Amino acid sequence: MDRERFNPDMVDWDDPFEIDAVNEPHLFAHAPYGADDLYDMLVFLPRLIEADTRRGDADWFLVGQPPGCPPLVSPLSAPDSGDSRKVRPIGIYEATGDLLAAYLEGRGDEL
């Protein structure tokens, strides 16, 4: 059964990320990318692509291309805090496969 995904229209995309001691290590697992790159992803044509909620914790994939980097992807889940203005990034890495194709083809919701 699908769970209900967070509503991206409720998110404050000027300051959207809930980062704490639990998820921060996951943001640095795919060096050289980290938390700062999340904000850089929001600068140039970021897109939200629906995740299959039956396959993992992500509700959406944020895909964007920080200046000087390849397109990156960050799986996003609802915040642990319950604050609907925030999202919880659970990783960041280079976009590949279907997510890269969707981004390059302009599929997904523009932010």
N, C-alpha and C. Protein backbone atom coordinates (compact mmCIF):
# COMPACT_ATOMS: atom_id res chain seq x y z
N MET A 1 0.84 -1.19 0.00
CA MET A 1 0.00 0.00 0.00
C MET A 1 0.88 1.25 0.00
N ASP A 2 0.54 2.22 -0.83
CA ASP A 2 1.28 3.47 -0.87
C ASP A 2 0.99 4.30 0.37
N ARG A 3 2.02 4.94 0.89
CA ARG A 3 1.79 5.89 1.97
C ARG A 3 1.53 7.26 1.34
N GLU A 4 0.97 8.16 2.12
CA GLU A 4 0.72 9.50 1.62
C GLU A 4 2.03 10.28 1.62
N ARG A 5 2.39 10.84 0.49
CA ARG A 5 3.63 11.62 0.39
C ARG A 5 3.39 13.05 0.87
N PHE A 6 4.46 13.73 1.28
CA PHE A 6 4.31 15.12 1.73
C PHE A 6 3.89 16.00 0.54
N ASN A 7 3.23 17.10 0.87
CA ASN A 7 2.73 18.03 -0.13
C ASN A 7 3.80 19.08 -0.43
N PRO A 8 4.38 19.07 -1.63
CA PRO A 8 5.45 20.03 -1.94
C PRO A 8 4.96 21.47 -1.99
N ASP A 9 3.65 21.68 -2.14
CA ASP A 9 3.12 23.05 -2.17
C ASP A 9 3.18 23.70 -0.78
N MET A 10 3.33 22.91 0.27
CA MET A 10 3.39 23.44 1.63
C MET A 10 4.82 23.82 2.03
N VAL A 11 5.80 23.38 1.26
CA VAL A 11 7.21 23.54 1.62
C VAL A 11 7.68 24.97 1.36
N ASP A 12 8.46 25.51 2.28
CA ASP A 12 9.12 26.81 2.10
C ASP A 12 10.41 26.56 1.32
N TRP A 13 10.36 26.69 0.01
CA TRP A 13 11.51 26.35 -0.83
C TRP A 13 12.65 27.36 -0.71
N ASP A 14 12.47 28.44 0.06
CA ASP A 14 13.57 29.35 0.35
C ASP A 14 14.47 28.79 1.47
N ASP A 15 13.90 27.97 2.33
CA ASP A 15 14.65 27.34 3.42
C ASP A 15 13.98 25.99 3.74
N PRO A 16 14.13 25.01 2.84
CA PRO A 16 13.31 23.81 2.94
C PRO A 16 13.87 22.64 3.74
N PHE A 17 15.15 22.63 4.05
CA PHE A 17 15.77 21.38 4.49
C PHE A 17 15.87 21.22 6.00
N GLU A 18 15.42 20.07 6.48
CA GLU A 18 15.59 19.66 7.87
C GLU A 18 16.84 18.77 7.91
N ILE A 19 17.91 19.31 8.47
CA ILE A 19 19.18 18.58 8.55
C ILE A 19 19.59 18.51 10.01
N ASP A 20 19.90 17.29 10.45
CA ASP A 20 20.30 17.09 11.83
C ASP A 20 21.37 16.00 11.89
N ALA A 21 21.74 15.61 13.09
CA ALA A 21 22.81 14.63 13.28
C ALA A 21 22.49 13.25 12.71
N VAL A 22 21.21 12.96 12.49
CA VAL A 22 20.82 11.66 11.95
C VAL A 22 20.99 11.60 10.44
N ASN A 23 20.52 12.61 9.72
CA ASN A 23 20.60 12.54 8.26
C ASN A 23 21.84 13.20 7.68
N GLU A 24 22.52 14.04 8.44
CA GLU A 24 23.70 14.73 7.90
C GLU A 24 24.79 13.77 7.39
N PRO A 25 25.11 12.68 8.09
CA PRO A 25 26.12 11.77 7.56
C PRO A 25 25.76 11.18 6.19
N HIS A 26 24.48 10.98 5.95
CA HIS A 26 24.04 10.44 4.65
C HIS A 26 24.27 11.44 3.52
N LEU A 27 24.29 12.73 3.87
CA LEU A 27 24.52 13.76 2.86
C LEU A 27 25.97 13.81 2.44
N PHE A 28 26.86 13.28 3.25
CA PHE A 28 28.29 13.29 2.92
C PHE A 28 28.78 11.92 2.47
N ALA A 29 27.88 10.95 2.36
CA ALA A 29 28.27 9.59 2.00
C ALA A 29 28.75 9.48 0.56
N HIS A 30 28.32 10.39 -0.29
CA HIS A 30 28.72 10.37 -1.70
C HIS A 30 29.59 11.60 -1.99
N ALA A 31 30.74 11.66 -1.33
CA ALA A 31 31.66 12.79 -1.50
C ALA A 31 31.91 13.00 -3.00
N PRO A 32 32.04 14.22 -3.42
CA PRO A 32 32.30 15.43 -2.64
C PRO A 32 31.04 16.22 -2.30
N TYR A 33 29.87 15.62 -2.43
CA TYR A 33 28.63 16.37 -2.24
C TYR A 33 28.20 16.39 -0.78
N GLY A 34 27.52 17.49 -0.40
CA GLY A 34 27.07 17.62 0.97
C GLY A 34 25.90 18.59 1.07
N ALA A 35 25.62 19.01 2.28
CA ALA A 35 24.46 19.84 2.56
C ALA A 35 24.44 21.14 1.75
N ASP A 36 25.59 21.78 1.56
CA ASP A 36 25.61 23.03 0.79
C ASP A 36 25.13 22.81 -0.64
N ASP A 37 25.41 21.64 -1.19
CA ASP A 37 24.99 21.35 -2.56
C ASP A 37 23.47 21.26 -2.68
N LEU A 38 22.80 20.91 -1.59
CA LEU A 38 21.33 20.88 -1.61
C LEU A 38 20.78 22.25 -1.97
N TYR A 39 21.31 23.28 -1.31
CA TYR A 39 20.84 24.64 -1.58
C TYR A 39 21.22 25.07 -2.98
N ASP A 40 22.41 24.66 -3.44
CA ASP A 40 22.83 24.99 -4.80
C ASP A 40 21.94 24.32 -5.84
N MET A 41 21.38 23.17 -5.52
CA MET A 41 20.48 22.48 -6.45
C MET A 41 19.23 23.30 -6.72
N LEU A 42 18.86 24.15 -5.80
CA LEU A 42 17.64 24.95 -5.93
C LEU A 42 17.81 26.16 -6.84
N VAL A 43 19.06 26.46 -7.24
CA VAL A 43 19.34 27.67 -7.98
C VAL A 43 18.94 27.58 -9.45
N PHE A 44 19.18 26.44 -10.11
CA PHE A 44 18.99 26.35 -11.55
C PHE A 44 18.05 25.21 -11.92
N LEU A 45 16.83 25.55 -12.29
CA LEU A 45 15.84 24.61 -12.79
C LEU A 45 15.66 23.34 -11.98
N PRO A 46 15.47 23.44 -10.67
CA PRO A 46 15.24 22.22 -9.90
C PRO A 46 13.88 21.61 -10.23
N ARG A 47 13.81 20.30 -10.13
CA ARG A 47 12.57 19.58 -10.41
C ARG A 47 12.31 18.57 -9.31
N LEU A 48 11.04 18.33 -9.06
CA LEU A 48 10.62 17.26 -8.16
C LEU A 48 10.03 16.15 -9.01
N ILE A 49 10.54 14.95 -8.77
CA ILE A 49 10.06 13.78 -9.49
C ILE A 49 9.52 12.81 -8.46
N GLU A 50 8.33 12.28 -8.69
CA GLU A 50 7.69 11.37 -7.74
C GLU A 50 8.53 10.13 -7.53
N ALA A 51 8.65 9.74 -6.28
CA ALA A 51 9.30 8.48 -5.93
C ALA A 51 8.23 7.41 -5.75
N ASP A 52 8.61 6.18 -5.96
CA ASP A 52 7.72 5.05 -5.69
C ASP A 52 7.77 4.81 -4.18
N THR A 53 6.73 5.23 -3.47
CA THR A 53 6.74 5.16 -2.01
C THR A 53 6.72 3.73 -1.48
N ARG A 54 6.47 2.76 -2.35
CA ARG A 54 6.51 1.35 -1.93
C ARG A 54 7.93 0.80 -1.90
N ARG A 55 8.87 1.55 -2.50
CA ARG A 55 10.24 1.04 -2.65
C ARG A 55 11.24 1.65 -1.69
N GLY A 56 10.84 2.61 -0.88
CA GLY A 56 11.79 3.23 0.03
C GLY A 56 11.16 4.36 0.80
N ASP A 57 12.02 5.10 1.50
CA ASP A 57 11.55 6.18 2.36
C ASP A 57 11.27 7.49 1.63
N ALA A 58 11.75 7.63 0.39
CA ALA A 58 11.59 8.88 -0.34
C ALA A 58 10.16 9.07 -0.84
N ASP A 59 9.67 10.30 -0.69
CA ASP A 59 8.39 10.70 -1.27
C ASP A 59 8.61 11.30 -2.66
N TRP A 60 9.68 12.06 -2.77
CA TRP A 60 10.03 12.77 -4.00
C TRP A 60 11.54 12.70 -4.18
N PHE A 61 11.98 12.92 -5.42
CA PHE A 61 13.39 13.12 -5.71
C PHE A 61 13.55 14.56 -6.16
N LEU A 62 14.42 15.29 -5.49
CA LEU A 62 14.79 16.63 -5.94
C LEU A 62 15.96 16.45 -6.89
N VAL A 63 15.84 16.95 -8.10
CA VAL A 63 16.91 16.88 -9.08
C VAL A 63 17.22 18.29 -9.53
N GLY A 64 18.49 18.65 -9.50
CA GLY A 64 18.92 19.97 -9.92
C GLY A 64 20.38 19.95 -10.27
N GLN A 65 20.84 21.03 -10.89
CA GLN A 65 22.22 21.09 -11.32
C GLN A 65 22.91 22.31 -10.71
N PRO A 66 23.67 22.09 -9.63
CA PRO A 66 24.42 23.19 -9.05
C PRO A 66 25.44 23.73 -10.05
N PRO A 67 25.77 25.00 -9.97
CA PRO A 67 26.77 25.56 -10.88
C PRO A 67 28.07 24.74 -10.83
N GLY A 68 28.56 24.38 -12.00
CA GLY A 68 29.83 23.66 -12.10
C GLY A 68 29.77 22.19 -11.75
N CYS A 69 28.58 21.64 -11.54
CA CYS A 69 28.41 20.23 -11.18
C CYS A 69 27.50 19.54 -12.19
N PRO A 70 27.55 18.23 -12.23
CA PRO A 70 26.55 17.50 -13.01
C PRO A 70 25.21 17.56 -12.28
N PRO A 71 24.11 17.18 -12.93
CA PRO A 71 22.84 17.12 -12.21
C PRO A 71 22.95 16.17 -11.01
N LEU A 72 22.39 16.62 -9.89
CA LEU A 72 22.40 15.84 -8.65
C LEU A 72 20.98 15.49 -8.27
N VAL A 73 20.85 14.45 -7.46
CA VAL A 73 19.54 14.03 -6.96
C VAL A 73 19.62 13.88 -5.45
N SER A 74 18.54 14.28 -4.79
CA SER A 74 18.41 14.07 -3.35
C SER A 74 17.04 13.48 -3.08
N PRO A 75 16.99 12.26 -2.54
CA PRO A 75 15.69 11.71 -2.13
C PRO A 75 15.18 12.52 -0.93
N LEU A 76 13.91 12.88 -0.97
CA LEU A 76 13.31 13.69 0.09
C LEU A 76 12.17 12.93 0.75
N SER A 77 12.10 13.05 2.07
CA SER A 77 10.99 12.47 2.81
C SER A 77 10.38 13.57 3.67
N ALA A 78 9.27 13.24 4.30
CA ALA A 78 8.63 14.18 5.21
C ALA A 78 9.56 14.44 6.39
N PRO A 79 9.50 15.62 6.98
CA PRO A 79 10.38 15.94 8.10
C PRO A 79 10.00 15.18 9.36
N ASP A 80 10.99 14.83 10.15
CA ASP A 80 10.73 14.19 11.44
C ASP A 80 10.02 15.15 12.39
N SER A 81 10.26 16.45 12.21
CA SER A 81 9.70 17.46 13.10
C SER A 81 8.20 17.65 12.92
N GLY A 82 7.67 17.22 11.78
CA GLY A 82 6.25 17.45 11.50
C GLY A 82 5.97 18.82 10.90
N ASP A 83 7.00 19.65 10.71
CA ASP A 83 6.86 20.98 10.14
C ASP A 83 6.67 20.85 8.63
N SER A 84 5.48 21.10 8.13
CA SER A 84 5.17 20.89 6.71
C SER A 84 5.92 21.85 5.78
N ARG A 85 6.60 22.85 6.35
CA ARG A 85 7.39 23.77 5.54
C ARG A 85 8.77 23.20 5.22
N LYS A 86 9.10 22.06 5.83
CA LYS A 86 10.42 21.46 5.68
C LYS A 86 10.33 20.10 4.99
N VAL A 87 11.45 19.66 4.42
CA VAL A 87 11.61 18.32 3.86
C VAL A 87 12.90 17.74 4.43
N ARG A 88 12.96 16.44 4.45
CA ARG A 88 14.13 15.76 5.03
C ARG A 88 14.92 15.10 3.90
N PRO A 89 16.09 15.67 3.55
CA PRO A 89 16.92 15.02 2.54
C PRO A 89 17.57 13.78 3.15
N ILE A 90 17.55 12.68 2.40
CA ILE A 90 18.11 11.43 2.93
C ILE A 90 19.29 10.94 2.10
N GLY A 91 19.90 11.86 1.37
CA GLY A 91 21.09 11.56 0.58
C GLY A 91 21.26 12.60 -0.50
N ILE A 92 22.40 12.58 -1.16
CA ILE A 92 22.67 13.44 -2.32
C ILE A 92 23.76 12.77 -3.13
N TYR A 93 23.52 12.67 -4.44
CA TYR A 93 24.47 11.98 -5.31
C TYR A 93 24.18 12.38 -6.76
N GLU A 94 25.08 11.99 -7.67
CA GLU A 94 24.89 12.30 -9.08
C GLU A 94 23.65 11.61 -9.62
N ALA A 95 22.89 12.34 -10.41
CA ALA A 95 21.69 11.77 -11.04
C ALA A 95 22.12 10.86 -12.19
N THR A 96 21.49 9.70 -12.27
CA THR A 96 21.77 8.74 -13.33
C THR A 96 20.45 8.11 -13.77
N GLY A 97 20.51 7.30 -14.82
CA GLY A 97 19.39 6.49 -15.24
C GLY A 97 18.12 7.28 -15.50
N ASP A 98 17.00 6.73 -15.02
CA ASP A 98 15.69 7.32 -15.27
C ASP A 98 15.54 8.72 -14.68
N LEU A 99 16.15 8.96 -13.52
CA LEU A 99 16.04 10.29 -12.91
C LEU A 99 16.78 11.34 -13.72
N LEU A 100 17.96 10.98 -14.22
CA LEU A 100 18.71 11.92 -15.07
C LEU A 100 17.94 12.17 -16.36
N ALA A 101 17.42 11.12 -16.96
CA ALA A 101 16.65 11.28 -18.20
C ALA A 101 15.42 12.16 -17.97
N ALA A 102 14.70 11.93 -16.89
CA ALA A 102 13.52 12.73 -16.59
C ALA A 102 13.89 14.20 -16.42
N TYR A 103 14.98 14.47 -15.73
CA TYR A 103 15.42 15.84 -15.51
C TYR A 103 15.79 16.51 -16.84
N LEU A 104 16.59 15.82 -17.63
CA LEU A 104 17.06 16.39 -18.89
C LEU A 104 15.90 16.60 -19.88
N GLU A 105 14.88 15.77 -19.79
CA GLU A 105 13.71 15.90 -20.66
C GLU A 105 12.68 16.87 -20.12
N GLY A 106 12.93 17.43 -18.94
CA GLY A 106 12.01 18.43 -18.38
C GLY A 106 10.78 17.83 -17.73
N ARG A 107 10.85 16.53 -17.37
CA ARG A 107 9.70 15.93 -16.69
C ARG A 107 9.80 16.21 -15.20
N GLY A 108 8.69 16.09 -14.51
CA GLY A 108 8.62 16.41 -13.09
C GLY A 108 8.11 17.81 -12.89
N ASP A 109 7.92 18.19 -11.64
CA ASP A 109 7.38 19.50 -11.31
C ASP A 109 8.50 20.48 -11.10
N GLU A 110 8.45 21.62 -11.83
CA GLU A 110 9.44 22.66 -11.63
C GLU A 110 9.16 23.37 -10.31
N LEU A 111 10.20 23.72 -9.61
CA LEU A 111 10.03 24.47 -8.35
C LEU A 111 10.11 25.95 -8.63
